[in-house]
Structure formats: C-alpha cells, structure tokens
Amino acid sequence: MPALLIALALMAVDQAAEPAAATPATPAGAEELPWPVGAPHDDYGLVSWCHGALSGYLELHDQVMPEVTRIETTYRPPGRSLAEDLKVYADMQKQSRKDLKSFERAIETAEKASIRPLGPIGAAAIKKGQAVWAGAPNLTKARLAQEWMSWSLPVRCAPTAERLEKNAKLMGAAFDPTAGLEAAATPEAPPPVEAPTS
C-alpha cells in the first residue's frame, strides 16, 4: 500500500509539471555538476538525450578511426606504444555500448511505468542528443577525429539512468495490476451469520 501512495504522489507531481520544466534531480554529490548544453533537465529527458549523443558518437567510429590512427601514429607521446593508445578507443567503445544498453533499459522501464505516453518526449530528446554530432559532415577529417577523440559522455548520464530505472521500477510495481493477487487469492472466512431474532 505505501508503494501505491508514493506512486500516486509522484504521479501528481509528474502531471503538475512539464518534463522540461521539472526540477533537476541529481545524484548524491553531483549537485554542482553542469548540465550538458541543450539537454533536458528531467531524468527521462536527460537519459534520452544522453542516448542520442552516445549513439551518434558510436555511429562515427568506423568513419573516424582511420584518421584517429593517423593522428596517433604521427604524434607519439614518449613512453607509450601505438597499440596501447588505440586500445583506449576500443575500451571506450565497449563501455559506450554498455552505457547505451543501460540507457535503453532505463528509458524502456520508465515508459512502461508511466501512465502517460513518454515516447514522443523521448524521441525528441534523443534527436536533440544526436544533434551534438550534426556538424560532423562539415568538418575536415582531422577536425572531426579530434572532436571525436576528445568527446566524453557527460558525467550526469550514467547515474541519472540508474536513478530513472530504479524509480520507474518502484512506480511500475505500484501500478502492476497483478501485485497483491496472491494475498487476495486466499479466501477470507465469511462473517458469522447471526441467528434471526423473532
């Protein structure tokens, strides 16, 4: 019953505010972190935006790697091998794919838990995130590779996705029509029948 009350309270707050105007909720200790430029300030919108920005980053991998390899080969820092430096990019790709799956899971969980359709809001936020890379076709190969090499996922993305998924699971459980059916399935003893008085 407390989960239902919490969910109803969250729903009332959710309906009172538009997603973009929601008060930003930040992970503990992250209140001072800046918001990514152009990103929504609600958890669902931010995670969707992060998904878009990260998917755009991943999509550029094959296009930029030849130039990244050329840059890394030409400008060698002392004491490190080319293989070590290129392995960093491979590791970043693995982590990025893992983060993307985490974002997808959080977005899907939130959409299932919401009593109003979130898909159009999420699609718009994903598009805004992908716009981070909209200028890629206008850059030279070297400049695009440098931008790609120096880009990193905003630090707010991963902890916000974790929080979104956790909160959505709580809300989803509150609205689950099968929750508590096990207890309701056991019949209660009928009330005692009073003898008729004459």
C-alpha atoms as a PDB file:
ATOM      1  CA  MET A   1       0.000   0.000   0.000  1.00  0.00           C
ATOM      2  CA  PRO A   2       2.818   2.506   0.748  1.00  0.00           C
ATOM      3  CA  ALA A   3       4.206   1.932  -2.773  1.00  0.00           C
ATOM      4  CA  LEU A   4       0.846   2.884  -4.233  1.00  0.00           C
ATOM      5  CA  LEU A   5       0.730   6.078  -2.175  1.00  0.00           C
ATOM      6  CA  ILE A   6       4.257   7.004  -3.245  1.00  0.00           C
ATOM      7  CA  ALA A   7       3.416   6.316  -6.884  1.00  0.00           C
ATOM      8  CA  LEU A   8       0.249   8.420  -6.682  1.00  0.00           C
ATOM      9  CA  ALA A   9       2.203  11.277  -5.098  1.00  0.00           C
ATOM     10  CA  LEU A  10       4.856  11.040  -7.821  1.00  0.00           C
ATOM     11  CA  MET A  11       2.136  10.937 -10.475  1.00  0.00           C
ATOM     12  CA  ALA A  12       0.549  14.097  -9.081  1.00  0.00           C
ATOM     13  CA  VAL A  13       3.897  15.894  -9.179  1.00  0.00           C
ATOM     14  CA  ASP A  14       4.593  14.492 -12.650  1.00  0.00           C
ATOM     15  CA  GLN A  15       1.291  15.756 -14.035  1.00  0.00           C
ATOM     16  CA  ALA A  16       1.752  19.190 -12.473  1.00  0.00           C
ATOM     17  CA  ALA A  17       5.000  19.904 -14.303  1.00  0.00           C
ATOM     18  CA  GLU A  18       6.087  19.592 -17.889  1.00  0.00           C
ATOM     19  CA  PRO A  19       9.124  17.288 -18.333  1.00  0.00           C
ATOM     20  CA  ALA A  20      11.471  20.056 -19.443  1.00  0.00           C
ATOM     21  CA  ALA A  21      10.462  22.279 -16.540  1.00  0.00           C
ATOM     22  CA  ALA A  22      10.885  19.600 -13.872  1.00  0.00           C
ATOM     23  CA  THR A  23      13.229  20.328 -11.027  1.00  0.00           C
ATOM     24  CA  PRO A  24      16.535  18.657 -11.793  1.00  0.00           C
ATOM     25  CA  ALA A  25      17.280  15.704  -9.565  1.00  0.00           C
ATOM     26  CA  THR A  26      20.952  14.918  -9.290  1.00  0.00           C
ATOM     27  CA  PRO A  27      22.842  12.000  -7.828  1.00  0.00           C
ATOM     28  CA  ALA A  28      24.268  12.475  -4.340  1.00  0.00           C
ATOM     29  CA  GLY A  29      27.366  14.656  -4.517  1.00  0.00           C
ATOM     30  CA  ALA A  30      26.675  15.720  -8.107  1.00  0.00           C
ATOM     31  CA  GLU A  31      24.579  18.825  -7.480  1.00  0.00           C
ATOM     32  CA  GLU A  32      27.358  21.109  -8.666  1.00  0.00           C
ATOM     33  CA  LEU A  33      27.921  19.278 -11.970  1.00  0.00           C
ATOM     34  CA  PRO A  34      26.898  21.277 -15.031  1.00  0.00           C
ATOM     35  CA  TRP A  35      24.088  20.100 -17.270  1.00  0.00           C
ATOM     36  CA  PRO A  36      25.068  19.177 -20.812  1.00  0.00           C
ATOM     37  CA  VAL A  37      24.286  22.067 -23.147  1.00  0.00           C
ATOM     38  CA  GLY A  38      20.872  21.615 -24.715  1.00  0.00           C
ATOM     39  CA  ALA A  39      19.935  18.622 -22.559  1.00  0.00           C
ATOM     40  CA  PRO A  40      16.565  18.417 -20.793  1.00  0.00           C
ATOM     41  CA  HIS A  41      16.621  18.880 -17.009  1.00  0.00           C
ATOM     42  CA  ASP A  42      14.413  15.905 -16.092  1.00  0.00           C
ATOM     43  CA  ASP A  43      15.699  12.362 -15.639  1.00  0.00           C
ATOM     44  CA  TYR A  44      13.797  10.765 -18.522  1.00  0.00           C
ATOM     45  CA  GLY A  45      14.654  13.584 -20.924  1.00  0.00           C
ATOM     46  CA  LEU A  46      18.314  13.661 -19.894  1.00  0.00           C
ATOM     47  CA  VAL A  47      18.763   9.906 -20.276  1.00  0.00           C
ATOM     48  CA  SER A  48      17.097  10.059 -23.698  1.00  0.00           C
ATOM     49  CA  TRP A  49      19.376  12.966 -24.669  1.00  0.00           C
ATOM     50  CA  CYS A  50      22.423  11.011 -23.453  1.00  0.00           C
ATOM     51  CA  HIS A  51      21.277   8.027 -25.525  1.00  0.00           C
ATOM     52  CA  GLY A  52      21.129  10.219 -28.618  1.00  0.00           C
ATOM     53  CA  ALA A  53      24.532  11.824 -28.057  1.00  0.00           C
ATOM     54  CA  LEU A  54      26.185   8.484 -27.312  1.00  0.00           C
ATOM     55  CA  SER A  55      24.600   6.701 -30.277  1.00  0.00           C
ATOM     56  CA  GLY A  56      25.879   9.494 -32.528  1.00  0.00           C
ATOM     57  CA  TYR A  57      29.362   9.020 -31.083  1.00  0.00           C
ATOM     58  CA  LEU A  58      29.234   5.274 -31.699  1.00  0.00           C
ATOM     59  CA  GLU A  59      27.962   5.717 -35.255  1.00  0.00           C
ATOM     60  CA  LEU A  60      31.028   7.809 -36.146  1.00  0.00           C
ATOM     61  CA  HIS A  61      33.533   5.160 -35.015  1.00  0.00           C
ATOM     62  CA  ASP A  62      34.248   3.497 -38.363  1.00  0.00           C
ATOM     63  CA  GLN A  63      34.370   6.849 -40.155  1.00  0.00           C
ATOM     64  CA  VAL A  64      36.904   8.479 -37.820  1.00  0.00           C
ATOM     65  CA  MET A  65      39.187   5.577 -36.847  1.00  0.00           C
ATOM     66  CA  PRO A  66      41.464   5.771 -39.910  1.00  0.00           C
ATOM     67  CA  GLU A  67      42.148   9.449 -39.122  1.00  0.00           C
ATOM     68  CA  VAL A  68      42.435   8.735 -35.382  1.00  0.00           C
ATOM     69  CA  THR A  69      45.044   6.078 -36.182  1.00  0.00           C
ATOM     70  CA  ARG A  70      46.919   8.529 -38.436  1.00  0.00           C
ATOM     71  CA  ILE A  71      46.914  11.195 -35.702  1.00  0.00           C
ATOM     72  CA  GLU A  72      48.033   8.750 -33.030  1.00  0.00           C
ATOM     73  CA  THR A  73      50.784   7.426 -35.314  1.00  0.00           C
ATOM     74  CA  THR A  74      52.049  10.889 -36.253  1.00  0.00           C
ATOM     75  CA  TYR A  75      52.030  12.476 -32.786  1.00  0.00           C
ATOM     76  CA  ARG A  76      53.507   9.852 -30.492  1.00  0.00           C
ATOM     77  CA  PRO A  77      53.923  10.677 -26.805  1.00  0.00           C
ATOM     78  CA  PRO A  78      57.088   9.235 -25.312  1.00  0.00           C
ATOM     79  CA  GLY A  79      56.869   6.006 -23.337  1.00  0.00           C
ATOM     80  CA  ARG A  80      53.644   4.663 -24.866  1.00  0.00           C
ATOM     81  CA  SER A  81      53.044   2.326 -27.771  1.00  0.00           C
ATOM     82  CA  LEU A  82      50.556   2.941 -30.552  1.00  0.00           C
ATOM     83  CA  ALA A  83      48.789  -0.313 -29.615  1.00  0.00           C
ATOM     84  CA  GLU A  84      48.262   0.964 -26.044  1.00  0.00           C
ATOM     85  CA  ASP A  85      46.743   4.214 -27.262  1.00  0.00           C
ATOM     86  CA  LEU A  86      44.472   2.536 -29.814  1.00  0.00           C
ATOM     87  CA  LYS A  87      43.314   0.055 -27.154  1.00  0.00           C
ATOM     88  CA  VAL A  88      41.930   3.034 -25.212  1.00  0.00           C
ATOM     89  CA  TYR A  89      39.497   3.713 -28.074  1.00  0.00           C
ATOM     90  CA  ALA A  90      38.462   0.054 -28.229  1.00  0.00           C
ATOM     91  CA  ASP A  91      37.825   0.103 -24.474  1.00  0.00           C
ATOM     92  CA  MET A  92      35.813   3.306 -24.837  1.00  0.00           C
ATOM     93  CA  GLN A  93      33.655   1.631 -27.497  1.00  0.00           C
ATOM     94  CA  LYS A  94      32.942  -1.325 -25.207  1.00  0.00           C
ATOM     95  CA  GLN A  95      31.989   0.981 -22.328  1.00  0.00           C
ATOM     96  CA  SER A  96      29.870   3.147 -24.628  1.00  0.00           C
ATOM     97  CA  ARG A  97      27.886   0.135 -25.862  1.00  0.00           C
ATOM     98  CA  LYS A  98      27.375  -0.952 -22.242  1.00  0.00           C
ATOM     99  CA  ASP A  99      26.177   2.564 -21.303  1.00  0.00           C
ATOM    100  CA  LEU A 100      23.851   2.663 -24.303  1.00  0.00           C
ATOM    101  CA  LYS A 101      22.183  -0.585 -23.193  1.00  0.00           C
ATOM    102  CA  SER A 102      21.806   0.857 -19.693  1.00  0.00           C
ATOM    103  CA  PHE A 103      20.125   3.980 -21.128  1.00  0.00           C
ATOM    104  CA  GLU A 104      17.805   1.867 -23.295  1.00  0.00           C
ATOM    105  CA  ARG A 105      16.807  -0.235 -20.282  1.00  0.00           C
ATOM    106  CA  ALA A 106      16.107   2.855 -18.147  1.00  0.00           C
ATOM    107  CA  ILE A 107      14.088   4.533 -20.919  1.00  0.00           C
ATOM    108  CA  GLU A 108      12.031   1.394 -21.553  1.00  0.00           C
ATOM    109  CA  THR A 109      11.373   0.869 -17.832  1.00  0.00           C
ATOM    110  CA  ALA A 110      10.250   4.492 -17.437  1.00  0.00           C
ATOM    111  CA  GLU A 111       7.942   4.263 -20.456  1.00  0.00           C
ATOM    112  CA  LYS A 112       6.321   1.090 -19.124  1.00  0.00           C
ATOM    113  CA  ALA A 113       5.831   2.610 -15.661  1.00  0.00           C
ATOM    114  CA  SER A 114       4.381   5.918 -16.862  1.00  0.00           C
ATOM    115  CA  ILE A 115       0.632   6.304 -17.094  1.00  0.00           C
ATOM    116  CA  ARG A 116       1.060   8.821 -19.906  1.00  0.00           C
ATOM    117  CA  PRO A 117       2.898   8.199 -23.182  1.00  0.00           C
ATOM    118  CA  LEU A 118       6.540   9.243 -22.976  1.00  0.00           C
ATOM    119  CA  GLY A 119       7.667   8.012 -26.407  1.00  0.00           C
ATOM    120  CA  PRO A 120       7.311  11.341 -28.261  1.00  0.00           C
ATOM    121  CA  ILE A 121       9.154  13.196 -25.478  1.00  0.00           C
ATOM    122  CA  GLY A 122      11.948  10.616 -25.525  1.00  0.00           C
ATOM    123  CA  ALA A 123      12.219  10.666 -29.321  1.00  0.00           C
ATOM    124  CA  ALA A 124      12.599  14.458 -29.303  1.00  0.00           C
ATOM    125  CA  ALA A 125      15.268  14.288 -26.586  1.00  0.00           C
ATOM    126  CA  ILE A 126      17.179  11.561 -28.461  1.00  0.00           C
ATOM    127  CA  LYS A 127      17.113  13.744 -31.580  1.00  0.00           C
ATOM    128  CA  LYS A 128      18.480  16.700 -29.575  1.00  0.00           C
ATOM    129  CA  GLY A 129      21.270  14.468 -28.266  1.00  0.00           C
ATOM    130  CA  GLN A 130      22.161  13.262 -31.753  1.00  0.00           C
ATOM    131  CA  ALA A 131      22.353  16.911 -32.829  1.00  0.00           C
ATOM    132  CA  VAL A 132      25.616  17.113 -30.872  1.00  0.00           C
ATOM    133  CA  TRP A 133      27.160  15.485 -33.951  1.00  0.00           C
ATOM    134  CA  ALA A 134      25.084  17.333 -36.577  1.00  0.00           C
ATOM    135  CA  GLY A 135      28.066  19.406 -37.712  1.00  0.00           C
ATOM    136  CA  ALA A 136      30.216  16.326 -38.431  1.00  0.00           C
ATOM    137  CA  PRO A 137      29.726  16.403 -42.233  1.00  0.00           C
ATOM    138  CA  ASN A 138      31.005  19.998 -42.344  1.00  0.00           C
ATOM    139  CA  LEU A 139      34.289  19.267 -40.558  1.00  0.00           C
ATOM    140  CA  THR A 140      37.549  18.134 -42.066  1.00  0.00           C
ATOM    141  CA  LYS A 141      38.583  14.539 -41.332  1.00  0.00           C
ATOM    142  CA  ALA A 142      41.275  15.710 -38.938  1.00  0.00           C
ATOM    143  CA  ARG A 143      38.987  18.099 -37.071  1.00  0.00           C
ATOM    144  CA  LEU A 144      36.194  15.534 -36.769  1.00  0.00           C
ATOM    145  CA  ALA A 145      38.648  12.928 -35.478  1.00  0.00           C
ATOM    146  CA  GLN A 146      39.974  15.402 -32.894  1.00  0.00           C
ATOM    147  CA  GLU A 147      36.439  16.247 -31.730  1.00  0.00           C
ATOM    148  CA  TRP A 148      35.557  12.571 -31.534  1.00  0.00           C
ATOM    149  CA  MET A 149      38.781  11.700 -29.668  1.00  0.00           C
ATOM    150  CA  SER A 150      38.195  14.368 -27.046  1.00  0.00           C
ATOM    151  CA  TRP A 151      34.454  13.789 -26.541  1.00  0.00           C
ATOM    152  CA  SER A 152      33.248  12.068 -23.412  1.00  0.00           C
ATOM    153  CA  LEU A 153      29.828  11.193 -22.101  1.00  0.00           C
ATOM    154  CA  PRO A 154      28.620  13.809 -19.592  1.00  0.00           C
ATOM    155  CA  VAL A 155      29.071  12.516 -16.049  1.00  0.00           C
ATOM    156  CA  ARG A 156      25.401  13.041 -15.216  1.00  0.00           C
ATOM    157  CA  CYS A 157      24.241  10.441 -17.742  1.00  0.00           C
ATOM    158  CA  ALA A 158      25.056   7.095 -16.084  1.00  0.00           C
ATOM    159  CA  PRO A 159      23.914   7.872 -12.518  1.00  0.00           C
ATOM    160  CA  THR A 160      20.755   9.530 -13.840  1.00  0.00           C
ATOM    161  CA  ALA A 161      19.943   6.416 -15.881  1.00  0.00           C
ATOM    162  CA  GLU A 162      20.380   4.249 -12.779  1.00  0.00           C
ATOM    163  CA  ARG A 163      18.086   6.505 -10.768  1.00  0.00           C
ATOM    164  CA  LEU A 164      15.479   6.665 -13.547  1.00  0.00           C
ATOM    165  CA  GLU A 165      15.347   2.883 -13.839  1.00  0.00           C
ATOM    166  CA  LYS A 166      15.138   2.408 -10.070  1.00  0.00           C
ATOM    167  CA  ASN A 167      12.334   4.967  -9.666  1.00  0.00           C
ATOM    168  CA  ALA A 168      10.443   3.593 -12.662  1.00  0.00           C
ATOM    169  CA  LYS A 169      10.582   0.080 -11.225  1.00  0.00           C
ATOM    170  CA  LEU A 170       9.098   1.392  -7.977  1.00  0.00           C
ATOM    171  CA  MET A 171       6.305   3.160  -9.843  1.00  0.00           C
ATOM    172  CA  GLY A 172       5.738   0.177 -12.126  1.00  0.00           C
ATOM    173  CA  ALA A 173       5.261  -2.097  -9.132  1.00  0.00           C
ATOM    174  CA  ALA A 174       2.698   0.301  -7.698  1.00  0.00           C
ATOM    175  CA  PHE A 175       0.635   0.167 -10.906  1.00  0.00           C
ATOM    176  CA  ASP A 176       1.079  -3.566 -11.521  1.00  0.00           C
ATOM    177  CA  PRO A 177      -2.452  -4.996 -11.686  1.00  0.00           C
ATOM    178  CA  THR A 178      -1.203  -8.416 -10.550  1.00  0.00           C
ATOM    179  CA  ALA A 179       0.538  -7.089  -7.440  1.00  0.00           C
ATOM    180  CA  GLY A 180      -1.043  -8.463  -4.299  1.00  0.00           C
ATOM    181  CA  LEU A 181      -3.182 -11.032  -6.116  1.00  0.00           C
ATOM    182  CA  GLU A 182      -1.502 -13.849  -4.200  1.00  0.00           C
ATOM    183  CA  ALA A 183      -2.825 -12.465  -0.926  1.00  0.00           C
ATOM    184  CA  ALA A 184      -6.265 -11.791  -2.415  1.00  0.00           C
ATOM    185  CA  ALA A 185      -6.467 -15.335  -3.783  1.00  0.00           C
ATOM    186  CA  THR A 186      -6.792 -16.839  -0.301  1.00  0.00           C
ATOM    187  CA  PRO A 187     -10.441 -16.578   0.615  1.00  0.00           C
ATOM    188  CA  GLU A 188     -11.287 -14.913   3.844  1.00  0.00           C
ATOM    189  CA  ALA A 189     -13.574 -16.669   6.282  1.00  0.00           C
ATOM    190  CA  PRO A 190     -17.130 -15.464   5.816  1.00  0.00           C
ATOM    191  CA  PRO A 191     -18.504 -13.305   8.610  1.00  0.00           C
ATOM    192  CA  PRO A 192     -20.502 -15.221  11.208  1.00  0.00           C
ATOM    193  CA  VAL A 193     -24.183 -15.400  10.460  1.00  0.00           C
ATOM    194  CA  GLU A 194     -26.342 -14.017  13.205  1.00  0.00           C
ATOM    195  CA  ALA A 195     -29.319 -16.066  14.266  1.00  0.00           C
ATOM    196  CA  PRO A 196     -32.610 -14.404  13.349  1.00  0.00           C
ATOM    197  CA  THR A 197     -34.455 -12.875  16.263  1.00  0.00           C
ATOM    198  CA  SER A 198     -38.166 -13.199  16.486  1.00  0.00           C
END
